[in-house]
Amino acid sequence: MSFKHIVSRDNPIFKHLKKLSENARERRAEGKTLLDGVHLIEAYVQAFGEPELVIIPEGKSSLEATQLMQQLEHVNTIMFPTLMFAELTPVASSTGILALVAIPKIGPQIAPPNEVKFALMLEDIQDPGNLGSMLRTALGAGVDAVYLSKGCTDVWSPKALRGGQGAQFNLPIFEGMNIVEAMQNFAGNTYATTLDGESLYAQDLSKPTAFVIGNEGAGLSATALQAASHQISIPMHQNLESLNAAAATAVCLFERARQMVR
């Protein structure tokens, strides 16, 4: 293991890591990303092995971060001043450890929607925290595959990874998809969420099911709504119009999971 203490923002290593933390194109070009936090790094190590690089701040790290560093003692480590380290992390309350990793490949590289029994299809989700939360929920509910439209935010950004808490390491995720085509090729019912559809709770979700969730502000496109076999909504009490996209996703996915264990 090598150890470097870097204090200059002009250092090429710092510049490289900062580009990876901020730029989706850079991450795609290199096939690498940054993981923030003990839990997320541990999940990666369990699934794929050691990271390429460990990054820590000056000063005292948390007990959990220190223990993880001991486990990764053979991995090259870089220390930055606290303010420089903060420029690389997506959250204000970091646990004090980052890792540079290769973006993993999960499942086949060509999406087979006609073979999937339970799918989540996302159109133009913009908030990386929302996306990460949706993926975490999808994993917990037993989703077989997730399809992301070309307009979705980067699933491998540090914020999306933080929100997913390891879900990206365990789900087949297909990016850059034409969601309408994926819906048309799905061998089952496709449920598009909207404000005035049929009640979610009136649906028989025991057959192959795909839920289609749209942009946080605009919802689903007209073409996606038209392509769906069903348009559904979540009944609301009082004067609340709708849930946010991540919450609606959780309700839909776990309603299907509930019906499957009846």
C-alpha atoms as a PDB file:
ATOM      1  CA  MET A   1       0.000   0.000   0.000  1.00  0.00           C
ATOM      2  CA  SER A   2       1.168   3.533  -0.736  1.00  0.00           C
ATOM      3  CA  PHE A   3       0.116   6.600   1.232  1.00  0.00           C
ATOM      4  CA  LYS A   4       0.054  10.148  -0.124  1.00  0.00           C
ATOM      5  CA  HIS A   5      -0.777  13.398   1.646  1.00  0.00           C
ATOM      6  CA  ILE A   6      -1.921  15.932  -0.964  1.00  0.00           C
ATOM      7  CA  VAL A   7      -2.530  19.558   0.007  1.00  0.00           C
ATOM      8  CA  SER A   8      -2.763  21.364  -3.344  1.00  0.00           C
ATOM      9  CA  ARG A   9      -5.868  21.728  -5.488  1.00  0.00           C
ATOM     10  CA  ASP A  10      -3.545  21.860  -8.490  1.00  0.00           C
ATOM     11  CA  ASN A  11      -2.498  18.279  -7.892  1.00  0.00           C
ATOM     12  CA  PRO A  12      -3.582  16.136 -10.883  1.00  0.00           C
ATOM     13  CA  ILE A  13      -4.952  13.390  -8.623  1.00  0.00           C
ATOM     14  CA  PHE A  14      -7.251  15.833  -6.839  1.00  0.00           C
ATOM     15  CA  LYS A  15      -8.378  17.344 -10.142  1.00  0.00           C
ATOM     16  CA  HIS A  16      -9.135  13.886 -11.498  1.00  0.00           C
ATOM     17  CA  LEU A  17     -11.174  12.856  -8.463  1.00  0.00           C
ATOM     18  CA  LYS A  18     -13.075  16.132  -8.490  1.00  0.00           C
ATOM     19  CA  LYS A  19     -14.037  15.612 -12.135  1.00  0.00           C
ATOM     20  CA  LEU A  20     -15.322  12.134 -11.312  1.00  0.00           C
ATOM     21  CA  SER A  21     -17.354  13.474  -8.414  1.00  0.00           C
ATOM     22  CA  GLU A  22     -19.022  16.167 -10.531  1.00  0.00           C
ATOM     23  CA  ASN A  23     -19.186  14.971 -14.126  1.00  0.00           C
ATOM     24  CA  ALA A  24     -21.309  12.085 -15.439  1.00  0.00           C
ATOM     25  CA  ARG A  25     -19.501  12.128 -18.783  1.00  0.00           C
ATOM     26  CA  GLU A  26     -16.171  11.679 -17.015  1.00  0.00           C
ATOM     27  CA  ARG A  27     -17.559   8.750 -15.009  1.00  0.00           C
ATOM     28  CA  ARG A  28     -18.925   7.069 -18.137  1.00  0.00           C
ATOM     29  CA  ALA A  29     -15.697   7.623 -20.068  1.00  0.00           C
ATOM     30  CA  GLU A  30     -13.530   6.065 -17.363  1.00  0.00           C
ATOM     31  CA  GLY A  31     -16.021   3.558 -15.993  1.00  0.00           C
ATOM     32  CA  LYS A  32     -15.235   4.747 -12.469  1.00  0.00           C
ATOM     33  CA  THR A  33     -16.998   6.576  -9.652  1.00  0.00           C
ATOM     34  CA  LEU A  34     -16.606   7.615  -6.011  1.00  0.00           C
ATOM     35  CA  LEU A  35     -18.342   5.936  -3.099  1.00  0.00           C
ATOM     36  CA  ASP A  36     -19.025   7.967   0.033  1.00  0.00           C
ATOM     37  CA  GLY A  37     -19.456   6.383   3.430  1.00  0.00           C
ATOM     38  CA  VAL A  38     -18.609   3.233   5.331  1.00  0.00           C
ATOM     39  CA  HIS A  39     -21.792   1.292   4.553  1.00  0.00           C
ATOM     40  CA  LEU A  40     -21.616   1.914   0.823  1.00  0.00           C
ATOM     41  CA  ILE A  41     -17.943   0.970   0.586  1.00  0.00           C
ATOM     42  CA  GLU A  42     -18.524  -2.166   2.655  1.00  0.00           C
ATOM     43  CA  ALA A  43     -21.369  -3.162   0.324  1.00  0.00           C
ATOM     44  CA  TYR A  44     -19.099  -2.745  -2.690  1.00  0.00           C
ATOM     45  CA  VAL A  45     -16.275  -4.727  -1.081  1.00  0.00           C
ATOM     46  CA  GLN A  46     -18.641  -7.566  -0.227  1.00  0.00           C
ATOM     47  CA  ALA A  47     -19.939  -7.738  -3.795  1.00  0.00           C
ATOM     48  CA  PHE A  48     -16.875  -6.907  -5.898  1.00  0.00           C
ATOM     49  CA  GLY A  49     -13.741  -6.800  -3.764  1.00  0.00           C
ATOM     50  CA  GLU A  50     -11.369  -4.019  -2.802  1.00  0.00           C
ATOM     51  CA  PRO A  51     -11.614  -0.485  -4.265  1.00  0.00           C
ATOM     52  CA  GLU A  52      -8.842   1.035  -6.342  1.00  0.00           C
ATOM     53  CA  LEU A  53      -8.167   3.868  -3.918  1.00  0.00           C
ATOM     54  CA  VAL A  54      -9.196   5.044  -0.449  1.00  0.00           C
ATOM     55  CA  ILE A  55      -9.530   8.782   0.248  1.00  0.00           C
ATOM     56  CA  ILE A  56      -9.601  10.218   3.780  1.00  0.00           C
ATOM     57  CA  PRO A  57      -9.557  13.702   5.348  1.00  0.00           C
ATOM     58  CA  GLU A  58      -6.990  15.091   7.723  1.00  0.00           C
ATOM     59  CA  GLY A  59      -7.898  14.814  11.366  1.00  0.00           C
ATOM     60  CA  LYS A  60      -9.764  12.168  13.310  1.00  0.00           C
ATOM     61  CA  SER A  61     -11.985   9.770  11.368  1.00  0.00           C
ATOM     62  CA  SER A  62     -15.041   8.036  12.781  1.00  0.00           C
ATOM     63  CA  LEU A  63     -14.518   4.693  14.500  1.00  0.00           C
ATOM     64  CA  GLU A  64     -16.321   2.910  11.650  1.00  0.00           C
ATOM     65  CA  ALA A  65     -14.121   4.593   9.024  1.00  0.00           C
ATOM     66  CA  THR A  66     -10.969   3.719  10.963  1.00  0.00           C
ATOM     67  CA  GLN A  67     -12.017   0.076  11.220  1.00  0.00           C
ATOM     68  CA  LEU A  68     -12.769  -0.050   7.498  1.00  0.00           C
ATOM     69  CA  MET A  69      -9.368   1.488   6.682  1.00  0.00           C
ATOM     70  CA  GLN A  70      -7.746  -1.302   8.691  1.00  0.00           C
ATOM     71  CA  GLN A  71      -9.611  -3.871   6.596  1.00  0.00           C
ATOM     72  CA  LEU A  72      -8.421  -2.128   3.433  1.00  0.00           C
ATOM     73  CA  GLU A  73      -4.825  -1.736   4.574  1.00  0.00           C
ATOM     74  CA  HIS A  74      -3.486  -3.067   1.262  1.00  0.00           C
ATOM     75  CA  VAL A  75      -5.325  -0.418  -0.800  1.00  0.00           C
ATOM     76  CA  ASN A  76      -3.505   2.770  -1.800  1.00  0.00           C
ATOM     77  CA  THR A  77      -4.644   5.708   0.338  1.00  0.00           C
ATOM     78  CA  ILE A  78      -4.718   9.472  -0.163  1.00  0.00           C
ATOM     79  CA  MET A  79      -5.256  12.077   2.541  1.00  0.00           C
ATOM     80  CA  PHE A  80      -6.601  15.558   1.754  1.00  0.00           C
ATOM     81  CA  PRO A  81      -7.111  18.599   3.959  1.00  0.00           C
ATOM     82  CA  THR A  82     -10.654  18.724   5.311  1.00  0.00           C
ATOM     83  CA  LEU A  83     -11.876  21.417   2.911  1.00  0.00           C
ATOM     84  CA  MET A  84     -10.467  19.626  -0.134  1.00  0.00           C
ATOM     85  CA  PHE A  85     -12.010  16.352   1.008  1.00  0.00           C
ATOM     86  CA  ALA A  86     -15.363  18.121   1.412  1.00  0.00           C
ATOM     87  CA  GLU A  87     -15.257  19.132  -2.260  1.00  0.00           C
ATOM     88  CA  LEU A  88     -15.337  15.459  -3.230  1.00  0.00           C
ATOM     89  CA  THR A  89     -18.161  14.272  -0.990  1.00  0.00           C
ATOM     90  CA  PRO A  90     -21.869  14.702  -1.889  1.00  0.00           C
ATOM     91  CA  VAL A  91     -23.027  15.220   1.705  1.00  0.00           C
ATOM     92  CA  ALA A  92     -22.254  17.683   4.471  1.00  0.00           C
ATOM     93  CA  SER A  93     -21.976  14.966   7.140  1.00  0.00           C
ATOM     94  CA  SER A  94     -19.608  12.491   5.541  1.00  0.00           C
ATOM     95  CA  THR A  95     -18.359   9.586   7.633  1.00  0.00           C
ATOM     96  CA  GLY A  96     -14.848  10.551   6.584  1.00  0.00           C
ATOM     97  CA  ILE A  97     -13.971   8.015   3.934  1.00  0.00           C
ATOM     98  CA  LEU A  98     -14.326   7.810   0.154  1.00  0.00           C
ATOM     99  CA  ALA A  99     -13.349   5.087  -2.282  1.00  0.00           C
ATOM    100  CA  LEU A 100     -12.556   5.132  -5.983  1.00  0.00           C
ATOM    101  CA  VAL A 101     -14.101   2.078  -7.674  1.00  0.00           C
ATOM    102  CA  ALA A 102     -14.815   0.654 -11.091  1.00  0.00           C
ATOM    103  CA  ILE A 103     -18.496   0.927 -12.010  1.00  0.00           C
ATOM    104  CA  PRO A 104     -19.814  -2.634 -11.756  1.00  0.00           C
ATOM    105  CA  LYS A 105     -21.757  -4.447 -14.453  1.00  0.00           C
ATOM    106  CA  ILE A 106     -24.848  -6.193 -13.109  1.00  0.00           C
ATOM    107  CA  GLY A 107     -26.803  -8.642 -15.215  1.00  0.00           C
ATOM    108  CA  PRO A 108     -26.878  -8.840 -19.021  1.00  0.00           C
ATOM    109  CA  GLN A 109     -25.839  -5.833 -21.051  1.00  0.00           C
ATOM    110  CA  ILE A 110     -28.929  -6.050 -23.265  1.00  0.00           C
ATOM    111  CA  ALA A 111     -32.212  -5.612 -21.418  1.00  0.00           C
ATOM    112  CA  PRO A 112     -34.657  -8.512 -21.884  1.00  0.00           C
ATOM    113  CA  PRO A 113     -38.004  -6.964 -20.820  1.00  0.00           C
ATOM    114  CA  ASN A 114     -39.944  -9.933 -22.247  1.00  0.00           C
ATOM    115  CA  GLU A 115     -38.303 -12.221 -19.646  1.00  0.00           C
ATOM    116  CA  VAL A 116     -38.790  -9.999 -16.580  1.00  0.00           C
ATOM    117  CA  LYS A 117     -41.666 -10.597 -14.144  1.00  0.00           C
ATOM    118  CA  PHE A 118     -41.383  -7.470 -11.979  1.00  0.00           C
ATOM    119  CA  ALA A 119     -39.909  -4.241 -13.350  1.00  0.00           C
ATOM    120  CA  LEU A 120     -39.528  -0.581 -12.508  1.00  0.00           C
ATOM    121  CA  MET A 121     -39.364   1.829 -15.447  1.00  0.00           C
ATOM    122  CA  LEU A 122     -38.302   5.417 -14.765  1.00  0.00           C
ATOM    123  CA  GLU A 123     -38.724   8.305 -17.185  1.00  0.00           C
ATOM    124  CA  ASP A 124     -36.591  11.442 -16.792  1.00  0.00           C
ATOM    125  CA  ILE A 125     -36.014  11.290 -13.022  1.00  0.00           C
ATOM    126  CA  GLN A 126     -33.829  14.307 -12.262  1.00  0.00           C
ATOM    127  CA  ASP A 127     -32.970  14.218  -8.562  1.00  0.00           C
ATOM    128  CA  PRO A 128     -30.104  11.802  -7.806  1.00  0.00           C
ATOM    129  CA  GLY A 129     -31.286  11.324  -4.224  1.00  0.00           C
ATOM    130  CA  ASN A 130     -34.745  10.369  -5.497  1.00  0.00           C
ATOM    131  CA  LEU A 131     -33.250   7.951  -7.990  1.00  0.00           C
ATOM    132  CA  GLY A 132     -31.097   6.301  -5.341  1.00  0.00           C
ATOM    133  CA  SER A 133     -34.076   5.977  -3.015  1.00  0.00           C
ATOM    134  CA  MET A 134     -36.166   4.401  -5.794  1.00  0.00           C
ATOM    135  CA  LEU A 135     -33.466   1.842  -6.503  1.00  0.00           C
ATOM    136  CA  ARG A 136     -33.128   1.014  -2.814  1.00  0.00           C
ATOM    137  CA  THR A 137     -36.890   0.486  -2.622  1.00  0.00           C
ATOM    138  CA  ALA A 138     -36.857  -1.605  -5.806  1.00  0.00           C
ATOM    139  CA  LEU A 139     -34.249  -3.928  -4.352  1.00  0.00           C
ATOM    140  CA  GLY A 140     -36.192  -4.277  -1.112  1.00  0.00           C
ATOM    141  CA  ALA A 141     -39.453  -5.025  -2.917  1.00  0.00           C
ATOM    142  CA  GLY A 142     -37.932  -7.741  -5.103  1.00  0.00           C
ATOM    143  CA  VAL A 143     -37.842  -5.972  -8.479  1.00  0.00           C
ATOM    144  CA  ASP A 144     -36.112  -8.035 -11.173  1.00  0.00           C
ATOM    145  CA  ALA A 145     -34.834  -5.155 -13.328  1.00  0.00           C
ATOM    146  CA  VAL A 146     -34.892  -1.366 -13.546  1.00  0.00           C
ATOM    147  CA  TYR A 147     -35.073   0.559 -16.835  1.00  0.00           C
ATOM    148  CA  LEU A 148     -33.971   4.194 -16.983  1.00  0.00           C
ATOM    149  CA  SER A 149     -34.794   6.563 -19.818  1.00  0.00           C
ATOM    150  CA  LYS A 150     -32.091   8.597 -21.533  1.00  0.00           C
ATOM    151  CA  GLY A 151     -33.269  11.659 -19.609  1.00  0.00           C
ATOM    152  CA  CYS A 152     -32.687  10.185 -16.150  1.00  0.00           C
ATOM    153  CA  THR A 153     -29.931  11.532 -13.935  1.00  0.00           C
ATOM    154  CA  ASP A 154     -26.741   9.477 -13.670  1.00  0.00           C
ATOM    155  CA  VAL A 155     -27.333   6.347 -11.617  1.00  0.00           C
ATOM    156  CA  TRP A 156     -23.628   6.189 -10.691  1.00  0.00           C
ATOM    157  CA  SER A 157     -23.267   9.725  -9.346  1.00  0.00           C
ATOM    158  CA  PRO A 158     -22.067   9.943  -5.725  1.00  0.00           C
ATOM    159  CA  LYS A 159     -25.454  11.345  -4.615  1.00  0.00           C
ATOM    160  CA  ALA A 160     -27.441   8.608  -6.352  1.00  0.00           C
ATOM    161  CA  LEU A 161     -25.115   5.970  -4.922  1.00  0.00           C
ATOM    162  CA  ARG A 162     -25.479   7.458  -1.464  1.00  0.00           C
ATOM    163  CA  GLY A 163     -29.276   7.354  -1.813  1.00  0.00           C
ATOM    164  CA  GLY A 164     -29.197   3.777  -3.089  1.00  0.00           C
ATOM    165  CA  GLN A 165     -26.983   2.513  -0.256  1.00  0.00           C
ATOM    166  CA  GLY A 166     -25.741  -0.437  -2.288  1.00  0.00           C
ATOM    167  CA  ALA A 167     -28.840  -1.099  -4.401  1.00  0.00           C
ATOM    168  CA  GLN A 168     -26.862  -0.341  -7.580  1.00  0.00           C
ATOM    169  CA  PHE A 169     -24.569  -3.266  -6.721  1.00  0.00           C
ATOM    170  CA  ASN A 170     -27.403  -5.794  -6.619  1.00  0.00           C
ATOM    171  CA  LEU A 171     -29.947  -4.739  -9.268  1.00  0.00           C
ATOM    172  CA  PRO A 172     -29.830  -5.219 -13.035  1.00  0.00           C
ATOM    173  CA  ILE A 173     -30.097  -1.583 -14.167  1.00  0.00           C
ATOM    174  CA  PHE A 174     -30.464  -0.675 -17.830  1.00  0.00           C
ATOM    175  CA  GLU A 175     -29.661   2.936 -18.688  1.00  0.00           C
ATOM    176  CA  GLY A 176     -30.443   5.010 -21.764  1.00  0.00           C
ATOM    177  CA  MET A 177     -33.580   3.054 -22.577  1.00  0.00           C
ATOM    178  CA  ASN A 178     -36.508   4.045 -24.758  1.00  0.00           C
ATOM    179  CA  ILE A 179     -39.149   3.591 -22.062  1.00  0.00           C
ATOM    180  CA  VAL A 180     -42.045   3.294 -24.517  1.00  0.00           C
ATOM    181  CA  GLU A 181     -40.263   0.490 -26.348  1.00  0.00           C
ATOM    182  CA  ALA A 182     -39.458  -1.225 -23.056  1.00  0.00           C
ATOM    183  CA  MET A 183     -43.146  -1.021 -22.105  1.00  0.00           C
ATOM    184  CA  GLN A 184     -44.208  -2.434 -25.464  1.00  0.00           C
ATOM    185  CA  ASN A 185     -41.752  -5.325 -25.128  1.00  0.00           C
ATOM    186  CA  PHE A 186     -42.741  -6.169 -21.563  1.00  0.00           C
ATOM    187  CA  ALA A 187     -44.643  -9.456 -21.372  1.00  0.00           C
ATOM    188  CA  GLY A 188     -47.143  -8.366 -18.744  1.00  0.00           C
ATOM    189  CA  ASN A 189     -49.113  -5.397 -17.458  1.00  0.00           C
ATOM    190  CA  THR A 190     -47.547  -1.944 -17.461  1.00  0.00           C
ATOM    191  CA  TYR A 191     -48.909   0.493 -14.874  1.00  0.00           C
ATOM    192  CA  ALA A 192     -48.316   4.180 -15.541  1.00  0.00           C
ATOM    193  CA  THR A 193     -48.758   6.438 -12.525  1.00  0.00           C
ATOM    194  CA  THR A 194     -50.904   9.522 -13.009  1.00  0.00           C
ATOM    195  CA  LEU A 195     -53.130  11.791 -10.915  1.00  0.00           C
ATOM    196  CA  ASP A 196     -56.475  10.528 -12.218  1.00  0.00           C
ATOM    197  CA  GLY A 197     -56.012   6.832 -13.008  1.00  0.00           C
ATOM    198  CA  GLU A 198     -57.679   3.792 -11.528  1.00  0.00           C
ATOM    199  CA  SER A 199     -56.889   2.985  -7.901  1.00  0.00           C
ATOM    200  CA  LEU A 200     -53.642   1.090  -7.390  1.00  0.00           C
ATOM    201  CA  TYR A 201     -55.397  -1.051  -4.788  1.00  0.00           C
ATOM    202  CA  ALA A 202     -58.024  -2.252  -7.278  1.00  0.00           C
ATOM    203  CA  GLN A 203     -55.392  -3.878  -9.525  1.00  0.00           C
ATOM    204  CA  ASP A 204     -54.485  -7.557  -9.707  1.00  0.00           C
ATOM    205  CA  LEU A 205     -50.697  -7.393  -9.532  1.00  0.00           C
ATOM    206  CA  SER A 206     -50.082 -11.135  -9.355  1.00  0.00           C
ATOM    207  CA  LYS A 207     -49.193 -11.298 -13.066  1.00  0.00           C
ATOM    208  CA  PRO A 208     -45.934  -9.932 -14.544  1.00  0.00           C
ATOM    209  CA  THR A 209     -45.952  -6.267 -13.552  1.00  0.00           C
ATOM    210  CA  ALA A 210     -44.035  -3.149 -14.532  1.00  0.00           C
ATOM    211  CA  PHE A 211     -44.586   0.185 -12.805  1.00  0.00           C
ATOM    212  CA  VAL A 212     -43.754   3.280 -14.855  1.00  0.00           C
ATOM    213  CA  ILE A 213     -42.855   6.430 -12.890  1.00  0.00           C
ATOM    214  CA  GLY A 214     -42.328   9.845 -14.439  1.00  0.00           C
ATOM    215  CA  ASN A 215     -40.424  13.061 -13.840  1.00  0.00           C
ATOM    216  CA  GLU A 216     -40.770  14.656 -10.402  1.00  0.00           C
ATOM    217  CA  GLY A 217     -42.454  17.786 -11.769  1.00  0.00           C
ATOM    218  CA  ALA A 218     -43.976  16.931 -15.134  1.00  0.00           C
ATOM    219  CA  GLY A 219     -44.902  13.299 -14.544  1.00  0.00           C
ATOM    220  CA  LEU A 220     -44.957  10.833 -17.429  1.00  0.00           C
ATOM    221  CA  SER A 221     -44.911  11.900 -21.050  1.00  0.00           C
ATOM    222  CA  ALA A 222     -48.090  11.552 -23.107  1.00  0.00           C
ATOM    223  CA  THR A 223     -46.514   8.782 -25.179  1.00  0.00           C
ATOM    224  CA  ALA A 224     -45.624   6.767 -22.079  1.00  0.00           C
ATOM    225  CA  LEU A 225     -49.136   7.168 -20.687  1.00  0.00           C
ATOM    226  CA  GLN A 226     -50.647   6.021 -23.962  1.00  0.00           C
ATOM    227  CA  ALA A 227     -48.340   3.004 -24.179  1.00  0.00           C
ATOM    228  CA  ALA A 228     -49.287   1.705 -20.726  1.00  0.00           C
ATOM    229  CA  SER A 229     -51.825  -1.074 -20.383  1.00  0.00           C
ATOM    230  CA  HIS A 230     -53.178   0.635 -17.240  1.00  0.00           C
ATOM    231  CA  GLN A 231     -53.105   4.150 -15.804  1.00  0.00           C
ATOM    232  CA  ILE A 232     -53.219   4.134 -12.023  1.00  0.00           C
ATOM    233  CA  SER A 233     -53.149   6.529  -9.101  1.00  0.00           C
ATOM    234  CA  ILE A 234     -52.643   6.230  -5.357  1.00  0.00           C
ATOM    235  CA  PRO A 235     -55.787   7.271  -3.450  1.00  0.00           C
ATOM    236  CA  MET A 236     -55.146  10.316  -1.257  1.00  0.00           C
ATOM    237  CA  HIS A 237     -56.811  11.519   1.925  1.00  0.00           C
ATOM    238  CA  GLN A 238     -57.640  15.176   2.531  1.00  0.00           C
ATOM    239  CA  ASN A 239     -56.486  17.715  -0.065  1.00  0.00           C
ATOM    240  CA  LEU A 240     -53.101  16.237  -0.903  1.00  0.00           C
ATOM    241  CA  GLU A 241     -52.770  15.934  -4.668  1.00  0.00           C
ATOM    242  CA  SER A 242     -49.939  13.425  -4.877  1.00  0.00           C
ATOM    243  CA  LEU A 243     -46.871  11.892  -3.258  1.00  0.00           C
ATOM    244  CA  ASN A 244     -43.375  12.649  -4.466  1.00  0.00           C
ATOM    245  CA  ALA A 245     -41.918  10.265  -7.023  1.00  0.00           C
ATOM    246  CA  ALA A 246     -39.826   8.231  -4.585  1.00  0.00           C
ATOM    247  CA  ALA A 247     -42.697   7.779  -2.127  1.00  0.00           C
ATOM    248  CA  ALA A 248     -45.133   6.836  -4.898  1.00  0.00           C
ATOM    249  CA  THR A 249     -42.643   4.282  -6.170  1.00  0.00           C
ATOM    250  CA  ALA A 250     -42.401   2.706  -2.719  1.00  0.00           C
ATOM    251  CA  VAL A 251     -46.180   2.446  -2.349  1.00  0.00           C
ATOM    252  CA  CYS A 252     -46.607   0.835  -5.781  1.00  0.00           C
ATOM    253  CA  LEU A 253     -43.748  -1.637  -5.482  1.00  0.00           C
ATOM    254  CA  PHE A 254     -44.664  -2.852  -2.037  1.00  0.00           C
ATOM    255  CA  GLU A 255     -48.345  -3.190  -2.938  1.00  0.00           C
ATOM    256  CA  ARG A 256     -47.239  -5.690  -5.561  1.00  0.00           C
ATOM    257  CA  ALA A 257     -44.940  -7.402  -3.036  1.00  0.00           C
ATOM    258  CA  ARG A 258     -47.862  -7.590  -0.562  1.00  0.00           C
ATOM    259  CA  GLN A 259     -50.171  -9.173  -3.110  1.00  0.00           C
ATOM    260  CA  MET A 260     -47.582 -11.783  -4.006  1.00  0.00           C
ATOM    261  CA  VAL A 261     -47.449 -13.149  -0.426  1.00  0.00           C
ATOM    262  CA  ARG A 262     -51.173 -13.306   0.205  1.00  0.00           C
END
